[in-house]
Amino acid sequence: MRRISSRGFPVHILLALLATLLLANLTAYAQSLGDVARENREKKAADPSSTPPKVITNANLPKDPDADAVASADDEPQTAPSPANVESSKRAAAQRAAEQRAAQQWKRRILAQENTIANQRMRVDRLKASIHFVDPNNYYPYDSSSYYAGLAQNRYQARQLERLAQLQQQLSQQRKKLEDMQEAARHAGMHTAVYDP
């Protein structure tokens, strides 16, 4: 059984007719996606302030970080550099070279001090391992010459022990000197790789 409206038209026909009219009205005013994209391109082309962004790739990047100034200068139009710019770039290059020399000198001095400390520590360890006191009574109780030889050995070991104390004191002084050098390099603005190689 079909429902019929009060005027005699079926409801589904009325709805279909209404939907068709609505769609026809929408399509008359709607733009296609291609038309919208074309209009946007035309607006961008007409706008002089919009320039395409610069794309940076590995091919554009300099291999030398100090070459950034040279690369940016290559991108700009070629004009004769002013004498002030030339002079300031020469001063900057000279300052960088002086800083590199200073860093190398600090590093060389600190490494030499570390080598001195390592050699001193090796001497201390060797001397410490060589010290052996003996009990003269346990050598040959009936041989007086071995008793006196044991005493002489102990006197020699006592001198070696004094020498060990001196070497340990020198080692602590060398360590203090290294710490002072590292602190001075830090205060001079050196990189960690310079004062703690």
Protein backbone atom coordinates (compact mmCIF):
# COMPACT_ATOMS: atom_id res chain seq x y z
CA MET A 1 0.00 0.00 0.00
CA ARG A 2 1.32 3.36 -1.05
CA ARG A 3 0.86 6.51 0.86
CA ILE A 4 -0.59 9.29 -1.11
CA SER A 5 -0.39 12.86 -0.04
CA SER A 6 -3.41 15.01 0.31
CA ARG A 7 -3.06 16.19 -3.31
CA GLY A 8 -2.68 12.74 -4.74
CA PHE A 9 1.10 12.55 -5.40
CA PRO A 10 3.07 9.76 -3.81
CA VAL A 11 5.53 11.01 -1.13
CA HIS A 12 8.57 9.22 -2.54
CA ILE A 13 8.11 10.95 -5.90
CA LEU A 14 7.98 14.29 -4.18
CA LEU A 15 11.15 13.50 -2.22
CA ALA A 16 12.97 12.34 -5.35
CA LEU A 17 11.93 15.48 -7.20
CA LEU A 18 13.04 17.68 -4.32
CA ALA A 19 16.43 15.91 -4.08
CA THR A 20 16.99 16.29 -7.84
CA LEU A 21 16.26 20.01 -7.69
CA LEU A 22 18.58 20.45 -4.72
CA LEU A 23 21.46 18.61 -6.45
CA ALA A 24 20.97 20.60 -9.63
CA ASN A 25 21.11 23.83 -7.66
CA LEU A 26 24.32 22.74 -5.82
CA THR A 27 26.13 21.66 -8.99
CA ALA A 28 25.30 24.97 -10.65
CA TYR A 29 27.14 26.87 -7.90
CA ALA A 30 29.89 24.34 -7.12
CA GLN A 31 33.40 24.59 -8.58
CA SER A 32 35.51 21.63 -9.48
CA LEU A 33 38.69 20.94 -7.49
CA GLY A 34 40.77 21.58 -10.59
CA ASP A 35 39.25 25.06 -10.96
CA VAL A 36 40.09 25.92 -7.34
CA ALA A 37 43.70 24.74 -7.74
CA ARG A 38 44.09 26.69 -10.98
CA GLU A 39 42.86 29.87 -9.30
CA ASN A 40 45.31 29.41 -6.41
CA ARG A 41 48.23 28.96 -8.81
CA GLU A 42 47.24 32.09 -10.71
CA LYS A 43 47.05 34.08 -7.44
CA LYS A 44 50.52 32.88 -6.38
CA ALA A 45 51.99 33.67 -9.77
CA ALA A 46 50.49 37.17 -9.64
CA ASP A 47 51.88 37.80 -6.12
CA PRO A 48 55.49 39.09 -6.51
CA SER A 49 56.38 38.64 -2.81
CA SER A 50 56.02 34.87 -2.90
CA THR A 51 59.27 33.26 -3.95
CA PRO A 52 59.86 29.54 -3.88
CA PRO A 53 61.64 28.38 -0.72
CA LYS A 54 65.30 27.46 -0.99
CA VAL A 55 65.77 23.70 -0.75
CA ILE A 56 68.91 22.60 1.08
CA THR A 57 70.39 19.22 0.22
CA ASN A 58 73.67 17.47 1.00
CA ALA A 59 74.97 18.74 -2.33
CA ASN A 60 74.44 22.35 -1.13
CA LEU A 61 76.12 21.87 2.27
CA PRO A 62 79.80 22.75 2.52
CA LYS A 63 82.24 20.07 3.59
CA ASP A 64 84.19 22.61 5.63
CA PRO A 65 82.15 24.42 8.33
CA ASP A 66 84.36 27.48 7.94
CA ALA A 67 83.34 27.63 4.28
CA ASP A 68 79.85 28.95 5.21
CA ALA A 69 81.01 32.53 4.76
CA VAL A 70 82.47 31.67 1.37
CA ALA A 71 79.33 29.79 0.28
CA SER A 72 77.00 32.60 1.31
CA ALA A 73 79.22 35.08 -0.51
CA ASP A 74 78.92 32.93 -3.65
CA ASP A 75 75.11 33.05 -3.46
CA GLU A 76 75.02 36.86 -3.46
CA PRO A 77 75.51 38.89 -6.60
CA GLN A 78 79.15 39.53 -7.34
CA THR A 79 80.15 43.00 -6.27
CA ALA A 80 83.52 44.35 -5.34
CA PRO A 81 84.05 43.85 -1.58
CA SER A 82 84.61 46.96 0.42
CA PRO A 83 88.03 47.44 2.00
CA ALA A 84 86.43 47.32 5.45
CA ASN A 85 84.89 43.91 4.71
CA VAL A 86 88.18 42.56 3.39
CA GLU A 87 90.03 43.86 6.44
CA SER A 88 87.48 42.43 8.88
CA SER A 89 87.53 39.02 7.18
CA LYS A 90 91.35 39.02 7.30
CA ARG A 91 91.22 39.89 11.01
CA ALA A 92 88.66 37.15 11.64
CA ALA A 93 90.79 34.60 9.77
CA ALA A 94 93.90 35.67 11.69
CA GLN A 95 92.01 35.43 14.99
CA ARG A 96 90.75 31.91 14.14
CA ALA A 97 94.29 30.85 13.24
CA ALA A 98 95.63 32.30 16.50
CA GLU A 99 92.93 30.50 18.49
CA GLN A 100 93.77 27.21 16.77
CA ARG A 101 97.48 27.68 17.51
CA ALA A 102 96.71 28.47 21.15
CA ALA A 103 94.48 25.39 21.42
CA GLN A 104 97.20 23.20 19.91
CA GLN A 105 99.80 24.63 22.32
CA TRP A 106 97.56 24.01 25.33
CA LYS A 107 96.82 20.48 24.18
CA ARG A 108 100.51 19.76 23.53
CA ARG A 109 101.51 21.06 26.98
CA ILE A 110 98.74 19.11 28.74
CA LEU A 111 99.60 15.88 26.90
CA ALA A 112 103.28 16.34 27.79
CA GLN A 113 102.31 16.81 31.44
CA GLU A 114 100.13 13.68 31.33
CA ASN A 115 103.09 11.74 29.89
CA THR A 116 105.32 13.07 32.68
CA ILE A 117 102.79 11.90 35.25
CA ALA A 118 102.51 8.46 33.62
CA ASN A 119 106.31 8.06 33.63
CA GLN A 120 106.53 9.22 37.25
CA ARG A 121 103.75 6.81 38.27
CA MET A 122 105.59 3.96 36.51
CA ARG A 123 108.82 4.80 38.41
CA VAL A 124 106.90 4.89 41.70
CA ASP A 125 105.26 1.53 41.01
CA ARG A 126 108.57 -0.06 39.99
CA LEU A 127 110.33 1.24 43.08
CA LYS A 128 107.47 0.20 45.34
CA ALA A 129 107.59 -3.33 43.92
CA SER A 130 111.36 -3.56 44.46
CA ILE A 131 111.35 -2.71 48.18
CA HIS A 132 111.68 -5.84 50.36
CA PHE A 133 112.88 -5.66 53.93
CA VAL A 134 114.45 -8.80 55.35
CA ASP A 135 114.81 -10.19 58.85
CA PRO A 136 118.57 -10.68 59.30
CA ASN A 137 118.01 -13.27 62.06
CA ASN A 138 116.11 -15.57 59.73
CA TYR A 139 118.81 -15.78 57.08
CA TYR A 140 121.51 -17.87 58.60
CA PRO A 141 121.42 -17.68 62.38
CA TYR A 142 124.93 -19.11 62.72
CA ASP A 143 126.52 -16.95 60.02
CA SER A 144 127.34 -13.45 61.17
CA SER A 145 128.25 -12.22 57.70
CA SER A 146 124.74 -12.93 56.42
CA TYR A 147 123.32 -11.14 59.46
CA TYR A 148 125.30 -8.02 58.56
CA ALA A 149 124.39 -8.46 54.90
CA GLY A 150 120.72 -8.49 55.94
CA LEU A 151 121.22 -5.29 57.93
CA ALA A 152 122.93 -3.66 54.95
CA GLN A 153 120.06 -4.82 52.76
CA ASN A 154 117.55 -3.21 55.14
CA ARG A 155 119.52 0.06 55.21
CA TYR A 156 119.44 0.10 51.41
CA GLN A 157 115.70 -0.65 51.45
CA ALA A 158 115.17 2.19 53.95
CA ARG A 159 116.93 4.59 51.57
CA GLN A 160 114.76 3.25 48.75
CA LEU A 161 111.70 3.87 50.92
CA GLU A 162 112.79 7.49 51.42
CA ARG A 163 113.33 7.79 47.67
CA LEU A 164 109.81 6.37 47.15
CA ALA A 165 108.34 9.05 49.43
CA GLN A 166 110.16 11.74 47.42
CA LEU A 167 108.90 10.31 44.13
CA GLN A 168 105.34 10.16 45.47
CA GLN A 169 105.59 13.79 46.56
CA GLN A 170 106.88 14.75 43.10
CA LEU A 171 104.04 12.78 41.53
CA SER A 172 101.45 14.68 43.57
CA GLN A 173 103.11 17.97 42.55
CA GLN A 174 102.96 16.93 38.88
CA ARG A 175 99.26 16.05 39.25
CA LYS A 176 98.59 19.44 40.84
CA LYS A 177 100.47 21.12 37.97
CA LEU A 178 98.28 19.23 35.46
CA GLU A 179 95.10 20.30 37.26
CA ASP A 180 96.31 23.92 37.23
CA MET A 181 97.07 23.72 33.50
CA GLN A 182 93.64 22.26 32.76
CA GLU A 183 91.95 24.95 34.84
CA ALA A 184 93.94 27.67 33.05
CA ALA A 185 92.94 26.20 29.66
CA ARG A 186 89.30 26.16 30.78
CA HIS A 187 89.52 29.82 31.80
CA ALA A 188 91.16 30.64 28.46
CA GLY A 189 87.99 29.34 26.79
CA MET A 190 89.45 26.16 25.34
CA HIS A 191 87.22 23.25 24.34
CA THR A 192 87.02 20.14 26.55
CA ALA A 193 88.95 18.14 23.94
CA VAL A 194 91.89 20.51 24.49
CA TYR A 195 92.20 20.40 28.28
CA ASP A 196 90.98 16.83 28.79
CA PRO A 197 92.32 14.87 25.79
